[in-house]
Amino acid sequence: MNTPIPLVIRLAAASAALFLVGINSVRASEPPLPLLNEWWQWAMSIPASTHPLLDNNGNRCTVGQRGNLWFLAGNTGGKTDRQCSLPAGSRVLIPVHATFCTPEAGRTTSQCFAAVAQDYESFTSFSVELNGLPQEIIEQPAVPGESEFTFAVPRNGLFGYKPGLYRATIAAGRWALVDVTAPGLYTLRVKSRSPTFNQDVTYELSVAEVQ
């Protein structure tokens, strides 16, 4: 993280639970944008003291999870390796890099848009692989009025946010929605690079039938 908060928040491959507007299961026909906003709502609802973004080994990967859609977190830069167990039939939503802006401290909506658009365009290298095979990347460019959402922050909020309800006016990034439906072992690797940020996150996923 190298952007002052709470103006612009970047999580690269960034994960109790907020009162999600959300879903417990995902169908392939569902549009991705509501899911991306839910990921942000989920991520910002977790106290920093238990946040998966700040986890070095994967012990926190179950925080806030429910149903067969799992949100996974990344790191704040550098290389991280994690292990995570999840049930068969799951899908994983993970950001390759993502940014949102909330117009706090006098920042206008137009300034928010400019900052997020600049951050999105700065990433020139990004990839997602599952067991060494490239995965489809969902593009979410900065589009005014398309990704506005509210999010709740608990005590000990991530990035120093005070408890309360906030409004994000713009979000952008690149994402992957990956199937890990069959039992087995999977290696999920997410990488992204910009002139000011470099991250490489690997998850060793153990998928098993629920007894």
C-alpha atoms as a PDB file:
ATOM      1  CA  MET A   1       0.000   0.000   0.000  1.00  0.00           C
ATOM      2  CA  ASN A   2       1.492   3.319  -0.963  1.00  0.00           C
ATOM      3  CA  THR A   3      -1.531   5.599  -1.355  1.00  0.00           C
ATOM      4  CA  PRO A   4      -2.690   7.838   1.500  1.00  0.00           C
ATOM      5  CA  ILE A   5      -5.881   6.666   3.162  1.00  0.00           C
ATOM      6  CA  PRO A   6      -8.811   6.947   3.252  1.00  0.00           C
ATOM      7  CA  LEU A   7      -8.761   8.590  -0.172  1.00  0.00           C
ATOM      8  CA  VAL A   8      -7.821   5.703  -2.426  1.00  0.00           C
ATOM      9  CA  ILE A   9      -7.590   2.102  -1.252  1.00  0.00           C
ATOM     10  CA  ARG A  10      -5.718  -0.496  -3.246  1.00  0.00           C
ATOM     11  CA  LEU A  11      -5.752  -4.185  -2.501  1.00  0.00           C
ATOM     12  CA  ALA A  12      -3.814  -6.381  -4.849  1.00  0.00           C
ATOM     13  CA  ALA A  13      -5.240  -9.859  -4.858  1.00  0.00           C
ATOM     14  CA  ALA A  14      -6.601  -8.899  -1.518  1.00  0.00           C
ATOM     15  CA  SER A  15     -10.764 -10.827   2.795  1.00  0.00           C
ATOM     16  CA  ALA A  16     -17.263 -10.965  10.740  1.00  0.00           C
ATOM     17  CA  ALA A  17     -18.946 -10.804   8.085  1.00  0.00           C
ATOM     18  CA  LEU A  18     -20.663  -7.675   6.885  1.00  0.00           C
ATOM     19  CA  PHE A  19     -24.386  -7.783   6.260  1.00  0.00           C
ATOM     20  CA  LEU A  20     -23.759  -8.573   2.619  1.00  0.00           C
ATOM     21  CA  VAL A  21     -26.403  -7.688   0.124  1.00  0.00           C
ATOM     22  CA  GLY A  22     -25.211 -10.780  -1.252  1.00  0.00           C
ATOM     23  CA  ILE A  23     -25.146 -14.265  -2.289  1.00  0.00           C
ATOM     24  CA  ASN A  24     -24.324 -17.648  -0.890  1.00  0.00           C
ATOM     25  CA  SER A  25     -23.848 -19.237  -4.289  1.00  0.00           C
ATOM     26  CA  VAL A  26     -22.722 -18.142  -7.711  1.00  0.00           C
ATOM     27  CA  ARG A  27     -24.061 -19.041 -11.119  1.00  0.00           C
ATOM     28  CA  ALA A  28     -22.030 -18.588 -14.262  1.00  0.00           C
ATOM     29  CA  SER A  29     -24.764 -16.394 -15.749  1.00  0.00           C
ATOM     30  CA  GLU A  30     -24.587 -13.801 -12.983  1.00  0.00           C
ATOM     31  CA  PRO A  31     -22.940 -10.476 -13.873  1.00  0.00           C
ATOM     32  CA  PRO A  32     -19.615  -9.954 -12.103  1.00  0.00           C
ATOM     33  CA  LEU A  33     -20.000  -6.310 -11.002  1.00  0.00           C
ATOM     34  CA  PRO A  34     -22.246  -6.929  -7.943  1.00  0.00           C
ATOM     35  CA  LEU A  35     -19.837  -9.664  -6.839  1.00  0.00           C
ATOM     36  CA  LEU A  36     -16.867  -7.321  -7.075  1.00  0.00           C
ATOM     37  CA  ASN A  37     -18.640  -4.737  -4.933  1.00  0.00           C
ATOM     38  CA  GLU A  38     -19.551  -7.443  -2.418  1.00  0.00           C
ATOM     39  CA  TRP A  39     -15.908  -8.462  -2.247  1.00  0.00           C
ATOM     40  CA  TRP A  40     -15.017  -4.904  -1.216  1.00  0.00           C
ATOM     41  CA  GLN A  41     -17.844  -4.801   1.331  1.00  0.00           C
ATOM     42  CA  TRP A  42     -16.637  -8.076   2.758  1.00  0.00           C
ATOM     43  CA  ALA A  43     -12.977  -7.072   2.870  1.00  0.00           C
ATOM     44  CA  MET A  44     -13.631  -3.725   4.547  1.00  0.00           C
ATOM     45  CA  SER A  45     -15.912  -5.323   7.174  1.00  0.00           C
ATOM     46  CA  ILE A  46     -13.107  -7.354   8.784  1.00  0.00           C
ATOM     47  CA  PRO A  47     -11.030  -5.905  11.656  1.00  0.00           C
ATOM     48  CA  ALA A  48      -7.351  -5.436  10.898  1.00  0.00           C
ATOM     49  CA  SER A  49      -6.433  -7.744  13.786  1.00  0.00           C
ATOM     50  CA  THR A  50      -7.967 -10.760  12.002  1.00  0.00           C
ATOM     51  CA  HIS A  51      -7.762  -9.673   8.382  1.00  0.00           C
ATOM     52  CA  PRO A  52      -6.710 -12.267   5.754  1.00  0.00           C
ATOM     53  CA  LEU A  53      -4.873  -9.553   3.813  1.00  0.00           C
ATOM     54  CA  LEU A  54      -2.340  -9.397   6.656  1.00  0.00           C
ATOM     55  CA  ASP A  55      -2.083 -13.191   7.024  1.00  0.00           C
ATOM     56  CA  ASN A  56       1.269 -14.816   6.257  1.00  0.00           C
ATOM     57  CA  ASN A  57       0.220 -18.479   6.088  1.00  0.00           C
ATOM     58  CA  GLY A  58      -3.508 -18.795   5.306  1.00  0.00           C
ATOM     59  CA  ASN A  59      -4.790 -19.381   8.839  1.00  0.00           C
ATOM     60  CA  ARG A  60      -7.361 -16.615   8.333  1.00  0.00           C
ATOM     61  CA  CYS A  61      -8.692 -17.664   4.943  1.00  0.00           C
ATOM     62  CA  THR A  62     -12.005 -18.855   6.443  1.00  0.00           C
ATOM     63  CA  VAL A  63     -12.832 -15.482   8.022  1.00  0.00           C
ATOM     64  CA  GLY A  64     -16.194 -14.229   6.799  1.00  0.00           C
ATOM     65  CA  GLN A  65     -16.778 -17.081   4.351  1.00  0.00           C
ATOM     66  CA  ARG A  66     -20.180 -18.615   3.779  1.00  0.00           C
ATOM     67  CA  GLY A  67     -21.775 -20.693   1.057  1.00  0.00           C
ATOM     68  CA  ASN A  68     -19.908 -21.811  -2.041  1.00  0.00           C
ATOM     69  CA  LEU A  69     -18.499 -18.434  -3.092  1.00  0.00           C
ATOM     70  CA  TRP A  70     -15.191 -17.774  -1.346  1.00  0.00           C
ATOM     71  CA  PHE A  71     -13.456 -14.402  -1.260  1.00  0.00           C
ATOM     72  CA  LEU A  72      -9.662 -14.621  -1.042  1.00  0.00           C
ATOM     73  CA  ALA A  73      -7.238 -11.876  -0.112  1.00  0.00           C
ATOM     74  CA  GLY A  74      -3.795 -10.969  -1.326  1.00  0.00           C
ATOM     75  CA  ASN A  75      -1.090  -8.967   0.367  1.00  0.00           C
ATOM     76  CA  THR A  76       0.289  -5.452   0.611  1.00  0.00           C
ATOM     77  CA  GLY A  77       3.152  -6.196  -1.743  1.00  0.00           C
ATOM     78  CA  GLY A  78       5.885  -8.785  -2.189  1.00  0.00           C
ATOM     79  CA  LYS A  79       5.543 -12.562  -2.168  1.00  0.00           C
ATOM     80  CA  THR A  80       3.166 -14.532   0.075  1.00  0.00           C
ATOM     81  CA  ASP A  81       2.397 -18.256   0.218  1.00  0.00           C
ATOM     82  CA  ARG A  82      -0.744 -19.497   1.951  1.00  0.00           C
ATOM     83  CA  GLN A  83      -2.607 -22.749   2.530  1.00  0.00           C
ATOM     84  CA  CYS A  84      -6.385 -22.870   2.658  1.00  0.00           C
ATOM     85  CA  SER A  85      -9.019 -25.625   2.957  1.00  0.00           C
ATOM     86  CA  LEU A  86     -12.446 -25.165   1.396  1.00  0.00           C
ATOM     87  CA  PRO A  87     -15.440 -27.327   0.512  1.00  0.00           C
ATOM     88  CA  ALA A  88     -15.993 -29.057  -2.816  1.00  0.00           C
ATOM     89  CA  GLY A  89     -18.287 -27.157  -5.161  1.00  0.00           C
ATOM     90  CA  SER A  90     -16.657 -23.817  -4.362  1.00  0.00           C
ATOM     91  CA  ARG A  91     -15.755 -20.915  -6.576  1.00  0.00           C
ATOM     92  CA  VAL A  92     -13.102 -18.374  -5.630  1.00  0.00           C
ATOM     93  CA  LEU A  93     -13.232 -14.643  -6.333  1.00  0.00           C
ATOM     94  CA  ILE A  94      -9.852 -12.971  -6.040  1.00  0.00           C
ATOM     95  CA  PRO A  95      -8.632  -9.550  -7.195  1.00  0.00           C
ATOM     96  CA  VAL A  96      -5.469  -9.468  -9.273  1.00  0.00           C
ATOM     97  CA  HIS A  97      -5.265  -5.787  -8.394  1.00  0.00           C
ATOM     98  CA  ALA A  98      -8.116  -3.526  -7.358  1.00  0.00           C
ATOM     99  CA  THR A  99      -8.671   0.015  -6.145  1.00  0.00           C
ATOM    100  CA  PHE A 100     -11.579   2.027  -4.843  1.00  0.00           C
ATOM    101  CA  CYS A 101     -11.990   5.613  -3.692  1.00  0.00           C
ATOM    102  CA  THR A 102     -14.289   7.213  -1.154  1.00  0.00           C
ATOM    103  CA  PRO A 103     -14.486  11.016  -1.230  1.00  0.00           C
ATOM    104  CA  GLU A 104     -13.283  11.654   2.294  1.00  0.00           C
ATOM    105  CA  ALA A 105     -11.173  14.586   3.473  1.00  0.00           C
ATOM    106  CA  GLY A 106     -12.561  16.890   0.816  1.00  0.00           C
ATOM    107  CA  ARG A 107     -11.711  14.804  -2.229  1.00  0.00           C
ATOM    108  CA  THR A 108     -14.320  15.234  -4.937  1.00  0.00           C
ATOM    109  CA  THR A 109     -15.947  12.484  -6.969  1.00  0.00           C
ATOM    110  CA  SER A 110     -14.052  13.610 -10.073  1.00  0.00           C
ATOM    111  CA  GLN A 111     -10.752  13.502  -8.192  1.00  0.00           C
ATOM    112  CA  CYS A 112     -11.628  10.010  -6.995  1.00  0.00           C
ATOM    113  CA  PHE A 113     -12.283   8.898 -10.549  1.00  0.00           C
ATOM    114  CA  ALA A 114      -8.997  10.342 -11.824  1.00  0.00           C
ATOM    115  CA  ALA A 115      -6.977   8.641  -9.075  1.00  0.00           C
ATOM    116  CA  VAL A 116      -8.599   5.229  -9.582  1.00  0.00           C
ATOM    117  CA  ALA A 117      -8.340   5.418 -13.380  1.00  0.00           C
ATOM    118  CA  GLN A 118      -4.651   6.291 -13.138  1.00  0.00           C
ATOM    119  CA  ASP A 119      -3.991   3.384 -10.786  1.00  0.00           C
ATOM    120  CA  TYR A 120      -5.841   0.940 -13.061  1.00  0.00           C
ATOM    121  CA  GLU A 121      -3.847   2.003 -16.124  1.00  0.00           C
ATOM    122  CA  SER A 122      -0.541   1.772 -14.255  1.00  0.00           C
ATOM    123  CA  PHE A 123      -0.651  -2.051 -14.107  1.00  0.00           C
ATOM    124  CA  THR A 124       1.139  -3.434 -17.157  1.00  0.00           C
ATOM    125  CA  SER A 125       1.765  -6.990 -15.938  1.00  0.00           C
ATOM    126  CA  PHE A 126      -0.819  -9.307 -14.358  1.00  0.00           C
ATOM    127  CA  SER A 127      -1.698 -12.998 -14.450  1.00  0.00           C
ATOM    128  CA  VAL A 128      -3.741 -15.719 -12.751  1.00  0.00           C
ATOM    129  CA  GLU A 129      -2.844 -19.406 -12.947  1.00  0.00           C
ATOM    130  CA  LEU A 130      -4.582 -22.486 -11.541  1.00  0.00           C
ATOM    131  CA  ASN A 131      -2.302 -25.535 -11.471  1.00  0.00           C
ATOM    132  CA  GLY A 132      -0.070 -23.732 -13.962  1.00  0.00           C
ATOM    133  CA  LEU A 133      -2.875 -23.005 -16.451  1.00  0.00           C
ATOM    134  CA  PRO A 134      -3.797 -19.376 -17.269  1.00  0.00           C
ATOM    135  CA  GLN A 135      -7.221 -18.279 -16.058  1.00  0.00           C
ATOM    136  CA  GLU A 136      -9.590 -15.701 -17.495  1.00  0.00           C
ATOM    137  CA  ILE A 137      -9.213 -12.221 -16.038  1.00  0.00           C
ATOM    138  CA  ILE A 138     -12.273 -10.024 -15.525  1.00  0.00           C
ATOM    139  CA  GLU A 139     -11.568  -6.433 -16.530  1.00  0.00           C
ATOM    140  CA  GLN A 140     -13.160  -3.705 -14.426  1.00  0.00           C
ATOM    141  CA  PRO A 141     -11.998  -0.375 -15.884  1.00  0.00           C
ATOM    142  CA  ALA A 142     -12.860   2.905 -14.196  1.00  0.00           C
ATOM    143  CA  VAL A 143     -16.341   3.912 -15.411  1.00  0.00           C
ATOM    144  CA  PRO A 144     -18.125   6.837 -13.709  1.00  0.00           C
ATOM    145  CA  GLY A 145     -21.328   5.835 -11.924  1.00  0.00           C
ATOM    146  CA  GLU A 146     -20.903   2.119 -12.532  1.00  0.00           C
ATOM    147  CA  SER A 147     -19.369   0.821  -9.314  1.00  0.00           C
ATOM    148  CA  GLU A 148     -20.719   2.968  -6.477  1.00  0.00           C
ATOM    149  CA  PHE A 149     -21.354   1.057  -3.252  1.00  0.00           C
ATOM    150  CA  THR A 150     -21.491   1.473   0.508  1.00  0.00           C
ATOM    151  CA  PHE A 151     -19.453  -0.456   3.032  1.00  0.00           C
ATOM    152  CA  ALA A 152     -19.417  -0.798   6.816  1.00  0.00           C
ATOM    153  CA  VAL A 153     -16.219  -0.615   8.862  1.00  0.00           C
ATOM    154  CA  PRO A 154     -15.943  -2.235  12.331  1.00  0.00           C
ATOM    155  CA  ARG A 155     -13.717  -1.233  15.206  1.00  0.00           C
ATOM    156  CA  ASN A 156     -10.025  -1.613  14.422  1.00  0.00           C
ATOM    157  CA  GLY A 157     -10.850  -1.083  10.754  1.00  0.00           C
ATOM    158  CA  LEU A 158      -8.423  -1.893   7.990  1.00  0.00           C
ATOM    159  CA  PHE A 159      -6.129   0.981   6.897  1.00  0.00           C
ATOM    160  CA  GLY A 160      -7.095   3.011   9.963  1.00  0.00           C
ATOM    161  CA  TYR A 161     -10.703   3.646   8.976  1.00  0.00           C
ATOM    162  CA  LYS A 162     -12.913   4.676  11.885  1.00  0.00           C
ATOM    163  CA  PRO A 163     -16.065   2.601  12.525  1.00  0.00           C
ATOM    164  CA  GLY A 164     -18.997   3.679  10.413  1.00  0.00           C
ATOM    165  CA  LEU A 165     -20.714   3.510   7.053  1.00  0.00           C
ATOM    166  CA  TYR A 166     -18.891   4.836   3.983  1.00  0.00           C
ATOM    167  CA  ARG A 167     -19.662   5.352   0.307  1.00  0.00           C
ATOM    168  CA  ALA A 168     -17.227   4.419  -2.444  1.00  0.00           C
ATOM    169  CA  THR A 169     -17.850   6.412  -5.608  1.00  0.00           C
ATOM    170  CA  ILE A 170     -15.593   4.474  -7.997  1.00  0.00           C
ATOM    171  CA  ALA A 171     -13.759   1.150  -8.144  1.00  0.00           C
ATOM    172  CA  ALA A 172     -11.587  -0.517 -10.772  1.00  0.00           C
ATOM    173  CA  GLY A 173      -9.316  -3.500 -11.120  1.00  0.00           C
ATOM    174  CA  ARG A 174      -8.755  -6.922 -12.591  1.00  0.00           C
ATOM    175  CA  TRP A 175     -10.233 -10.050 -11.062  1.00  0.00           C
ATOM    176  CA  ALA A 176     -10.530 -13.804 -11.436  1.00  0.00           C
ATOM    177  CA  LEU A 177     -13.506 -16.047 -10.667  1.00  0.00           C
ATOM    178  CA  VAL A 178     -12.060 -19.562 -10.466  1.00  0.00           C
ATOM    179  CA  ASP A 179     -13.793 -22.936 -10.118  1.00  0.00           C
ATOM    180  CA  VAL A 180     -12.378 -25.399  -7.586  1.00  0.00           C
ATOM    181  CA  THR A 181     -15.475 -27.582  -7.561  1.00  0.00           C
ATOM    182  CA  ALA A 182     -13.935 -31.070  -7.574  1.00  0.00           C
ATOM    183  CA  PRO A 183     -12.127 -32.461  -4.504  1.00  0.00           C
ATOM    184  CA  GLY A 184      -8.361 -32.307  -4.766  1.00  0.00           C
ATOM    185  CA  LEU A 185      -5.332 -30.053  -4.409  1.00  0.00           C
ATOM    186  CA  TYR A 186      -5.049 -26.843  -6.390  1.00  0.00           C
ATOM    187  CA  THR A 187      -2.337 -24.196  -6.704  1.00  0.00           C
ATOM    188  CA  LEU A 188      -3.705 -20.722  -7.365  1.00  0.00           C
ATOM    189  CA  ARG A 189      -1.142 -18.044  -8.170  1.00  0.00           C
ATOM    190  CA  VAL A 190      -1.906 -14.356  -8.737  1.00  0.00           C
ATOM    191  CA  LYS A 191       0.682 -11.806  -9.860  1.00  0.00           C
ATOM    192  CA  SER A 192       0.518  -8.122 -10.711  1.00  0.00           C
ATOM    193  CA  ARG A 193       3.007  -5.330 -11.238  1.00  0.00           C
ATOM    194  CA  SER A 194       2.949  -1.578 -11.709  1.00  0.00           C
ATOM    195  CA  PRO A 195       5.755   1.005 -11.396  1.00  0.00           C
ATOM    196  CA  THR A 196       4.939   1.399  -7.698  1.00  0.00           C
ATOM    197  CA  PHE A 197       3.547  -1.992  -6.700  1.00  0.00           C
ATOM    198  CA  ASN A 198       4.577  -5.629  -7.122  1.00  0.00           C
ATOM    199  CA  GLN A 199       2.847  -8.654  -5.628  1.00  0.00           C
ATOM    200  CA  ASP A 200       2.959 -12.408  -6.014  1.00  0.00           C
ATOM    201  CA  VAL A 201       0.459 -14.489  -4.006  1.00  0.00           C
ATOM    202  CA  THR A 202       0.160 -18.284  -4.080  1.00  0.00           C
ATOM    203  CA  TYR A 203      -2.604 -20.306  -2.456  1.00  0.00           C
ATOM    204  CA  GLU A 204      -2.315 -24.047  -1.957  1.00  0.00           C
ATOM    205  CA  LEU A 205      -6.005 -24.980  -1.888  1.00  0.00           C
ATOM    206  CA  SER A 206      -7.186 -28.247  -0.371  1.00  0.00           C
ATOM    207  CA  VAL A 207     -10.738 -28.975  -1.559  1.00  0.00           C
ATOM    208  CA  ALA A 208     -12.713 -31.735   0.173  1.00  0.00           C
ATOM    209  CA  GLU A 209     -16.270 -33.008   0.425  1.00  0.00           C
ATOM    210  CA  VAL A 210     -18.125 -31.822   3.519  1.00  0.00           C
ATOM    211  CA  GLN A 211     -18.902 -34.755   5.823  1.00  0.00           C
END
